[in-house]
Amino acid sequence: MEVSLLSTLWAIEGLGDLKQSNVIFEISSVDLRDAIRRPMDWPIFRNMLMEIHKGLIRFVKWQIEIVPEESNQCAMTEEHHYQSYVAQRGPQWLQATLEAEAVQTT
């Protein structure tokens, strides 16, 4: 759970740094969603959940959706633009994944 929370925090910080205002987080973990929705039920992760909530208030609108793990692939904008180093092709294995997903969505 700690790794999931940390990666979610990094995603929130990264999207905030990119000045995104409306975001959808697609996750595969019901426990992660529940921890974010009801942090008081997860006291051992209180500090990290507080940081997540501080990050979420930077967005105009945000939501969390549960998706099957096999559906939770690479992130892109609605216009099918990739962010960060991915926009500069990223590692070769990732580029192949992005190209395969692009074919599936068209």
Protein backbone atom coordinates (compact mmCIF):
# COMPACT_ATOMS: atom_id res chain seq x y z
CA MET A 1 0.00 0.00 0.00
CA GLU A 2 2.82 2.40 0.82
CA VAL A 3 4.26 2.09 -2.69
CA SER A 4 0.83 2.75 -4.23
CA LEU A 5 0.35 5.84 -2.08
CA LEU A 6 3.82 7.13 -2.90
CA SER A 7 3.36 6.65 -6.64
CA THR A 8 -0.03 8.36 -6.44
CA LEU A 9 1.55 11.28 -4.62
CA TRP A 10 4.23 11.55 -7.31
CA ALA A 11 1.55 11.49 -10.02
CA ILE A 12 -0.39 14.24 -8.24
CA GLU A 13 2.72 16.37 -7.81
CA GLY A 14 3.74 15.85 -11.42
CA LEU A 15 0.34 16.77 -12.83
CA GLY A 16 0.22 19.80 -10.55
CA ASP A 17 3.65 20.88 -11.76
CA LEU A 18 2.39 20.54 -15.33
CA LYS A 19 -0.46 22.91 -14.42
CA GLN A 20 -3.16 20.37 -15.18
CA SER A 21 -6.50 21.41 -13.74
CA ASN A 22 -8.95 18.58 -14.51
CA VAL A 23 -7.58 15.11 -13.95
CA ILE A 24 -8.81 11.55 -13.76
CA PHE A 25 -6.70 9.05 -11.87
CA GLU A 26 -7.28 5.52 -13.11
CA ILE A 27 -6.15 3.01 -10.53
CA SER A 28 -6.58 -0.71 -10.08
CA SER A 29 -6.60 -0.80 -6.29
CA VAL A 30 -9.88 -0.48 -4.40
CA ASP A 31 -7.87 -0.17 -1.16
CA LEU A 32 -5.96 2.81 -2.56
CA ARG A 33 -9.19 4.52 -3.59
CA ASP A 34 -10.74 3.85 -0.19
CA ALA A 35 -7.68 5.17 1.64
CA ILE A 36 -7.83 8.42 -0.33
CA ARG A 37 -11.59 8.75 0.20
CA ARG A 38 -11.51 7.82 3.90
CA PRO A 39 -8.04 8.59 5.27
CA MET A 40 -9.20 8.30 8.88
CA ASP A 41 -9.70 4.56 8.28
CA TRP A 42 -5.98 4.24 7.43
CA PRO A 43 -4.17 5.89 10.39
CA ILE A 44 -0.83 4.24 9.64
CA PHE A 45 -0.69 6.21 6.36
CA ARG A 46 -2.09 9.45 7.77
CA ASN A 47 0.87 11.66 6.84
CA MET A 48 1.10 10.45 3.27
CA LEU A 49 -2.68 10.70 2.81
CA MET A 50 -2.56 14.28 4.12
CA GLU A 51 0.08 15.08 1.47
CA ILE A 52 -2.10 13.48 -1.20
CA HIS A 53 -5.07 15.61 -0.15
CA LYS A 54 -2.92 18.76 -0.13
CA GLY A 55 -1.93 17.94 -3.70
CA LEU A 56 -5.48 17.20 -4.83
CA ILE A 57 -6.78 20.61 -3.77
CA ARG A 58 -4.51 22.15 -6.43
CA PHE A 59 -6.83 20.76 -9.11
CA VAL A 60 -10.06 22.41 -10.20
CA LYS A 61 -11.60 18.99 -10.70
CA TRP A 62 -10.31 15.50 -10.02
CA GLN A 63 -11.70 12.02 -9.76
CA ILE A 64 -10.53 8.50 -9.14
CA GLU A 65 -11.78 5.63 -11.25
CA ILE A 66 -11.19 1.95 -10.69
CA VAL A 67 -10.16 0.13 -13.85
CA PRO A 68 -8.96 -3.42 -14.46
CA GLU A 69 -5.21 -3.72 -14.15
CA GLU A 70 -4.83 -4.72 -17.80
CA SER A 71 -6.63 -1.50 -18.82
CA ASN A 72 -4.39 0.71 -16.72
CA GLN A 73 -1.58 1.43 -19.16
CA CYS A 74 0.23 4.61 -20.21
CA ALA A 75 -1.10 8.08 -19.46
CA MET A 76 -2.04 10.56 -22.17
CA THR A 77 -4.11 13.69 -22.56
CA GLU A 78 -7.54 13.73 -24.19
CA GLU A 79 -5.84 14.95 -27.37
CA HIS A 80 -3.61 11.83 -27.25
CA HIS A 81 -0.50 13.81 -26.33
CA TYR A 82 1.96 12.14 -23.99
CA GLN A 83 3.56 14.06 -21.14
CA SER A 84 7.11 14.61 -19.93
CA TYR A 85 9.99 12.48 -21.19
CA VAL A 86 7.48 10.20 -22.90
CA ALA A 87 6.85 13.00 -25.39
CA GLN A 88 10.50 12.68 -26.37
CA ARG A 89 10.03 8.98 -27.16
CA GLY A 90 11.19 7.66 -23.77
CA PRO A 91 12.73 4.20 -23.51
CA GLN A 92 12.33 1.83 -26.47
CA TRP A 93 10.11 -0.64 -24.60
CA LEU A 94 7.76 2.18 -23.62
CA GLN A 95 7.56 3.52 -27.16
CA ALA A 96 6.42 0.10 -28.41
CA THR A 97 3.71 0.04 -25.72
CA LEU A 98 2.52 3.55 -26.62
CA GLU A 99 2.39 2.71 -30.32
CA ALA A 100 0.40 -0.47 -29.65
CA GLU A 101 -2.08 1.45 -27.50
CA ALA A 102 -2.43 4.18 -30.12
CA VAL A 103 -3.41 1.54 -32.70
CA GLN A 104 -5.98 0.06 -30.29
CA THR A 105 -7.66 3.45 -29.64
CA THR A 106 -8.05 4.38 -33.32
